[in-house]
Amino acid sequence: IRPQKFALSFTCGSLMFMGSFGILKGPKEHLASMFTADRLLFSTIYLGSMFVTFYLTCTKGGLR
């Protein structure tokens, strides 16, 4: 069982999902809506968790 494959696939899918909203709404408007005052904490945690997932998957014995 390799949970790294699932974590990497899930994170890539999440980035694609967010990218599709950026294409539909426009990148500037989408980023502006993500970083409004009421969504700032959620967006920061969301993007931070994706970064940490990529980092741990690629460095801590994930992609061999």
PDB file of N, CA and C in Angstrom:
ATOM      1  N   ILE A   1       0.856  -1.172   0.000  1.00  0.00           N
ATOM      2  CA  ILE A   1       0.000   0.000   0.000  1.00  0.00           C
ATOM      3  C   ILE A   1       0.898   1.230   0.000  1.00  0.00           C
ATOM      4  N   ARG A   2       0.646   2.133  -0.942  1.00  0.00           N
ATOM      5  CA  ARG A   2       1.440   3.354  -1.068  1.00  0.00           C
ATOM      6  C   ARG A   2       0.544   4.579  -0.923  1.00  0.00           C
ATOM      7  N   PRO A   3       0.419   5.110   0.289  1.00  0.00           N
ATOM      8  CA  PRO A   3      -0.439   6.282   0.474  1.00  0.00           C
ATOM      9  C   PRO A   3       0.082   7.523  -0.245  1.00  0.00           C
ATOM     10  N   GLN A   4       1.369   7.524  -0.601  1.00  0.00           N
ATOM     11  CA  GLN A   4       1.923   8.667  -1.307  1.00  0.00           C
ATOM     12  C   GLN A   4       1.261   8.844  -2.674  1.00  0.00           C
ATOM     13  N   LYS A   5       0.957   7.728  -3.345  1.00  0.00           N
ATOM     14  CA  LYS A   5       0.302   7.811  -4.649  1.00  0.00           C
ATOM     15  C   LYS A   5      -1.074   8.450  -4.517  1.00  0.00           C
ATOM     16  N   PHE A   6      -1.815   8.056  -3.495  1.00  0.00           N
ATOM     17  CA  PHE A   6      -3.134   8.647  -3.284  1.00  0.00           C
ATOM     18  C   PHE A   6      -3.014  10.123  -2.946  1.00  0.00           C
ATOM     19  N   ALA A   7      -2.107  10.472  -2.055  1.00  0.00           N
ATOM     20  CA  ALA A   7      -1.953  11.873  -1.648  1.00  0.00           C
ATOM     21  C   ALA A   7      -1.558  12.741  -2.836  1.00  0.00           C
ATOM     22  N   LEU A   8      -0.653  12.257  -3.658  1.00  0.00           N
ATOM     23  CA  LEU A   8      -0.225  13.020  -4.818  1.00  0.00           C
ATOM     24  C   LEU A   8      -1.352  13.159  -5.834  1.00  0.00           C
ATOM     25  N   SER A   9      -2.072  12.084  -6.091  1.00  0.00           N
ATOM     26  CA  SER A   9      -3.192  12.132  -7.035  1.00  0.00           C
ATOM     27  C   SER A   9      -4.305  13.041  -6.532  1.00  0.00           C
ATOM     28  N   PHE A  10      -4.622  12.957  -5.258  1.00  0.00           N
ATOM     29  CA  PHE A  10      -5.686  13.773  -4.688  1.00  0.00           C
ATOM     30  C   PHE A  10      -5.315  15.256  -4.730  1.00  0.00           C
ATOM     31  N   THR A  11      -4.064  15.568  -4.418  1.00  0.00           N
ATOM     32  CA  THR A  11      -3.618  16.952  -4.435  1.00  0.00           C
ATOM     33  C   THR A  11      -3.584  17.506  -5.855  1.00  0.00           C
ATOM     34  N   CYS A  12      -3.124  16.712  -6.805  1.00  0.00           N
ATOM     35  CA  CYS A  12      -3.135  17.166  -8.203  1.00  0.00           C
ATOM     36  C   CYS A  12      -4.563  17.390  -8.688  1.00  0.00           C
ATOM     37  N   GLY A  13      -5.468  16.512  -8.323  1.00  0.00           N
ATOM     38  CA  GLY A  13      -6.868  16.693  -8.678  1.00  0.00           C
ATOM     39  C   GLY A  13      -7.450  17.943  -8.062  1.00  0.00           C
ATOM     40  N   SER A  14      -7.085  18.221  -6.842  1.00  0.00           N
ATOM     41  CA  SER A  14      -7.560  19.426  -6.175  1.00  0.00           C
ATOM     42  C   SER A  14      -7.033  20.681  -6.859  1.00  0.00           C
ATOM     43  N   LEU A  15      -5.772  20.663  -7.274  1.00  0.00           N
ATOM     44  CA  LEU A  15      -5.213  21.798  -8.000  1.00  0.00           C
ATOM     45  C   LEU A  15      -5.900  21.986  -9.348  1.00  0.00           C
ATOM     46  N   MET A  16      -6.200  20.881 -10.029  1.00  0.00           N
ATOM     47  CA  MET A  16      -6.912  20.976 -11.309  1.00  0.00           C
ATOM     48  C   MET A  16      -8.317  21.531 -11.115  1.00  0.00           C
ATOM     49  N   PHE A  17      -8.965  21.125 -10.041  1.00  0.00           N
ATOM     50  CA  PHE A  17     -10.309  21.620  -9.737  1.00  0.00           C
ATOM     51  C   PHE A  17     -10.276  23.119  -9.485  1.00  0.00           C
ATOM     52  N   MET A  18      -9.305  23.574  -8.699  1.00  0.00           N
ATOM     53  CA  MET A  18      -9.183  25.002  -8.431  1.00  0.00           C
ATOM     54  C   MET A  18      -8.765  25.766  -9.688  1.00  0.00           C
ATOM     55  N   GLY A  19      -7.932  25.153 -10.516  1.00  0.00           N
ATOM     56  CA  GLY A  19      -7.543  25.774 -11.780  1.00  0.00           C
ATOM     57  C   GLY A  19      -8.713  25.930 -12.733  1.00  0.00           C
ATOM     58  N   SER A  20      -9.628  24.977 -12.711  1.00  0.00           N
ATOM     59  CA  SER A  20     -10.800  25.082 -13.582  1.00  0.00           C
ATOM     60  C   SER A  20     -11.684  26.248 -13.160  1.00  0.00           C
ATOM     61  N   PHE A  21     -11.805  26.494 -11.857  1.00  0.00           N
ATOM     62  CA  PHE A  21     -12.538  27.676 -11.411  1.00  0.00           C
ATOM     63  C   PHE A  21     -11.821  28.948 -11.863  1.00  0.00           C
ATOM     64  N   GLY A  22     -10.502  28.923 -11.844  1.00  0.00           N
ATOM     65  CA  GLY A  22      -9.739  30.073 -12.313  1.00  0.00           C
ATOM     66  C   GLY A  22      -9.953  30.344 -13.788  1.00  0.00           C
ATOM     67  N   ILE A  23     -10.098  29.290 -14.565  1.00  0.00           N
ATOM     68  CA  ILE A  23     -10.360  29.461 -15.997  1.00  0.00           C
ATOM     69  C   ILE A  23     -11.775  29.982 -16.218  1.00  0.00           C
ATOM     70  N   LEU A  24     -12.735  29.454 -15.478  1.00  0.00           N
ATOM     71  CA  LEU A  24     -14.126  29.868 -15.667  1.00  0.00           C
ATOM     72  C   LEU A  24     -14.382  31.299 -15.197  1.00  0.00           C
ATOM     73  N   LYS A  25     -13.841  31.655 -14.042  1.00  0.00           N
ATOM     74  CA  LYS A  25     -14.097  32.977 -13.474  1.00  0.00           C
ATOM     75  C   LYS A  25     -13.067  34.010 -13.905  1.00  0.00           C
ATOM     76  N   GLY A  26     -11.937  33.568 -14.357  1.00  0.00           N
ATOM     77  CA  GLY A  26     -10.810  34.457 -14.631  1.00  0.00           C
ATOM     78  C   GLY A  26      -9.836  34.363 -13.467  1.00  0.00           C
ATOM     79  N   PRO A  27      -8.552  34.289 -13.753  1.00  0.00           N
ATOM     80  CA  PRO A  27      -7.566  34.074 -12.686  1.00  0.00           C
ATOM     81  C   PRO A  27      -7.535  35.173 -11.629  1.00  0.00           C
ATOM     82  N   LYS A  28      -7.599  36.429 -12.060  1.00  0.00           N
ATOM     83  CA  LYS A  28      -7.529  37.525 -11.087  1.00  0.00           C
ATOM     84  C   LYS A  28      -8.750  37.532 -10.173  1.00  0.00           C
ATOM     85  N   GLU A  29      -9.919  37.349 -10.767  1.00  0.00           N
ATOM     86  CA  GLU A  29     -11.139  37.360  -9.958  1.00  0.00           C
ATOM     87  C   GLU A  29     -11.187  36.164  -9.014  1.00  0.00           C
ATOM     88  N   HIS A  30     -10.730  35.020  -9.491  1.00  0.00           N
ATOM     89  CA  HIS A  30     -10.739  33.831  -8.636  1.00  0.00           C
ATOM     90  C   HIS A  30      -9.788  34.000  -7.452  1.00  0.00           C
ATOM     91  N   LEU A  31      -8.581  34.466  -7.701  1.00  0.00           N
ATOM     92  CA  LEU A  31      -7.629  34.686  -6.607  1.00  0.00           C
ATOM     93  C   LEU A  31      -8.122  35.764  -5.655  1.00  0.00           C
ATOM     94  N   ALA A  32      -8.735  36.806  -6.212  1.00  0.00           N
ATOM     95  CA  ALA A  32      -9.277  37.859  -5.350  1.00  0.00           C
ATOM     96  C   ALA A  32     -10.388  37.316  -4.463  1.00  0.00           C
ATOM     97  N   SER A  33     -11.217  36.429  -4.999  1.00  0.00           N
ATOM     98  CA  SER A  33     -12.292  35.863  -4.179  1.00  0.00           C
ATOM     99  C   SER A  33     -11.758  34.875  -3.151  1.00  0.00           C
ATOM    100  N   MET A  34     -10.651  34.203  -3.469  1.00  0.00           N
ATOM    101  CA  MET A  34     -10.073  33.271  -2.500  1.00  0.00           C
ATOM    102  C   MET A  34      -9.466  33.997  -1.306  1.00  0.00           C
ATOM    103  N   PHE A  35      -8.964  35.202  -1.526  1.00  0.00           N
ATOM    104  CA  PHE A  35      -8.245  35.906  -0.469  1.00  0.00           C
ATOM    105  C   PHE A  35      -9.014  37.094   0.087  1.00  0.00           C
ATOM    106  N   THR A  36     -10.337  37.016   0.062  1.00  0.00           N
ATOM    107  CA  THR A  36     -11.125  38.020   0.773  1.00  0.00           C
ATOM    108  C   THR A  36     -10.976  37.777   2.271  1.00  0.00           C
ATOM    109  N   ALA A  37     -11.369  38.747   3.062  1.00  0.00           N
ATOM    110  CA  ALA A  37     -11.155  38.673   4.508  1.00  0.00           C
ATOM    111  C   ALA A  37     -11.836  37.459   5.142  1.00  0.00           C
ATOM    112  N   ASP A  38     -13.038  37.124   4.670  1.00  0.00           N
ATOM    113  CA  ASP A  38     -13.746  36.006   5.301  1.00  0.00           C
ATOM    114  C   ASP A  38     -13.247  34.640   4.832  1.00  0.00           C
ATOM    115  N   ARG A  39     -12.493  34.576   3.745  1.00  0.00           N
ATOM    116  CA  ARG A  39     -11.971  33.296   3.241  1.00  0.00           C
ATOM    117  C   ARG A  39     -10.465  33.149   3.382  1.00  0.00           C
ATOM    118  N   LEU A  40      -9.807  34.140   3.917  1.00  0.00           N
ATOM    119  CA  LEU A  40      -8.344  34.152   3.967  1.00  0.00           C
ATOM    120  C   LEU A  40      -7.784  32.983   4.777  1.00  0.00           C
ATOM    121  N   LEU A  41      -8.344  32.714   5.937  1.00  0.00           N
ATOM    122  CA  LEU A  41      -7.848  31.619   6.776  1.00  0.00           C
ATOM    123  C   LEU A  41      -8.003  30.277   6.077  1.00  0.00           C
ATOM    124  N   PHE A  42      -9.184  30.015   5.514  1.00  0.00           N
ATOM    125  CA  PHE A  42      -9.422  28.748   4.818  1.00  0.00           C
ATOM    126  C   PHE A  42      -8.485  28.596   3.624  1.00  0.00           C
ATOM    127  N   SER A  43      -8.337  29.650   2.824  1.00  0.00           N
ATOM    128  CA  SER A  43      -7.483  29.576   1.639  1.00  0.00           C
ATOM    129  C   SER A  43      -6.029  29.331   2.010  1.00  0.00           C
ATOM    130  N   THR A  44      -5.566  29.985   3.069  1.00  0.00           N
ATOM    131  CA  THR A  44      -4.188  29.804   3.513  1.00  0.00           C
ATOM    132  C   THR A  44      -3.948  28.374   3.991  1.00  0.00           C
ATOM    133  N   ILE A  45      -4.870  27.845   4.767  1.00  0.00           N
ATOM    134  CA  ILE A  45      -4.738  26.468   5.254  1.00  0.00           C
ATOM    135  C   ILE A  45      -4.817  25.483   4.092  1.00  0.00           C
ATOM    136  N   TYR A  46      -5.733  25.731   3.170  1.00  0.00           N
ATOM    137  CA  TYR A  46      -5.918  24.849   2.012  1.00  0.00           C
ATOM    138  C   TYR A  46      -4.664  24.802   1.140  1.00  0.00           C
ATOM    139  N   LEU A  47      -4.154  25.968   0.756  1.00  0.00           N
ATOM    140  CA  LEU A  47      -2.956  26.006  -0.082  1.00  0.00           C
ATOM    141  C   LEU A  47      -1.727  25.512   0.676  1.00  0.00           C
ATOM    142  N   GLY A  48      -1.645  25.825   1.963  1.00  0.00           N
ATOM    143  CA  GLY A  48      -0.530  25.330   2.772  1.00  0.00           C
ATOM    144  C   GLY A  48      -0.522  23.820   2.900  1.00  0.00           C
ATOM    145  N   SER A  49      -1.700  23.232   3.066  1.00  0.00           N
ATOM    146  CA  SER A  49      -1.761  21.773   3.184  1.00  0.00           C
ATOM    147  C   SER A  49      -1.375  21.098   1.870  1.00  0.00           C
ATOM    148  N   MET A  50      -1.726  21.721   0.737  1.00  0.00           N
ATOM    149  CA  MET A  50      -1.318  21.147  -0.551  1.00  0.00           C
ATOM    150  C   MET A  50       0.189  21.248  -0.734  1.00  0.00           C
ATOM    151  N   PHE A  51       0.775  22.375  -0.323  1.00  0.00           N
ATOM    152  CA  PHE A  51       2.224  22.519  -0.414  1.00  0.00           C
ATOM    153  C   PHE A  51       2.939  21.496   0.470  1.00  0.00           C
ATOM    154  N   VAL A  52       2.453  21.331   1.693  1.00  0.00           N
ATOM    155  CA  VAL A  52       3.061  20.364   2.616  1.00  0.00           C
ATOM    156  C   VAL A  52       2.906  18.942   2.080  1.00  0.00           C
ATOM    157  N   THR A  53       1.772  18.640   1.476  1.00  0.00           N
ATOM    158  CA  THR A  53       1.566  17.314   0.885  1.00  0.00           C
ATOM    159  C   THR A  53       2.574  17.062  -0.223  1.00  0.00           C
ATOM    160  N   PHE A  54       2.742  18.034  -1.132  1.00  0.00           N
ATOM    161  CA  PHE A  54       3.736  17.882  -2.196  1.00  0.00           C
ATOM    162  C   PHE A  54       5.141  17.744  -1.621  1.00  0.00           C
ATOM    163  N   TYR A  55       5.460  18.554  -0.642  1.00  0.00           N
ATOM    164  CA  TYR A  55       6.805  18.507  -0.060  1.00  0.00           C
ATOM    165  C   TYR A  55       7.084  17.144   0.583  1.00  0.00           C
ATOM    166  N   LEU A  56       6.177  16.680   1.414  1.00  0.00           N
ATOM    167  CA  LEU A  56       6.398  15.405   2.100  1.00  0.00           C
ATOM    168  C   LEU A  56       6.357  14.226   1.141  1.00  0.00           C
ATOM    169  N   THR A  57       5.516  14.303   0.128  1.00  0.00           N
ATOM    170  CA  THR A  57       5.444  13.211  -0.837  1.00  0.00           C
ATOM    171  C   THR A  57       6.732  13.119  -1.644  1.00  0.00           C
ATOM    172  N   CYS A  58       7.314  14.251  -1.980  1.00  0.00           N
ATOM    173  CA  CYS A  58       8.496  14.240  -2.833  1.00  0.00           C
ATOM    174  C   CYS A  58       9.807  14.090  -2.067  1.00  0.00           C
ATOM    175  N   THR A  59       9.829  14.387  -0.762  1.00  0.00           N
ATOM    176  CA  THR A  59      11.098  14.352  -0.033  1.00  0.00           C
ATOM    177  C   THR A  59      11.199  13.209   0.981  1.00  0.00           C
ATOM    178  N   LYS A  60      10.171  12.891   1.657  1.00  0.00           N
ATOM    179  CA  LYS A  60      10.262  11.921   2.751  1.00  0.00           C
ATOM    180  C   LYS A  60       9.984  10.498   2.279  1.00  0.00           C
ATOM    181  N   GLY A  61      10.700  10.076   1.252  1.00  0.00           N
ATOM    182  CA  GLY A  61      10.581   8.698   0.788  1.00  0.00           C
ATOM    183  C   GLY A  61       9.339   8.433  -0.048  1.00  0.00           C
ATOM    184  N   GLY A  62       8.779   9.464  -0.617  1.00  0.00           N
ATOM    185  CA  GLY A  62       7.536   9.287  -1.348  1.00  0.00           C
ATOM    186  C   GLY A  62       7.718   8.796  -2.767  1.00  0.00           C
ATOM    187  N   LEU A  63       8.433   9.521  -3.587  1.00  0.00           N
ATOM    188  CA  LEU A  63       8.561   9.198  -5.007  1.00  0.00           C
ATOM    189  C   LEU A  63       9.833   8.421  -5.275  1.00  0.00           C
ATOM    190  N   ARG A  64       9.760   7.135  -5.139  1.00  0.00           N
ATOM    191  CA  ARG A  64      10.917   6.273  -5.431  1.00  0.00           C
ATOM    192  C   ARG A  64      10.636   5.456  -6.651  1.00  0.00           C
TER     193      ARG A  64
END
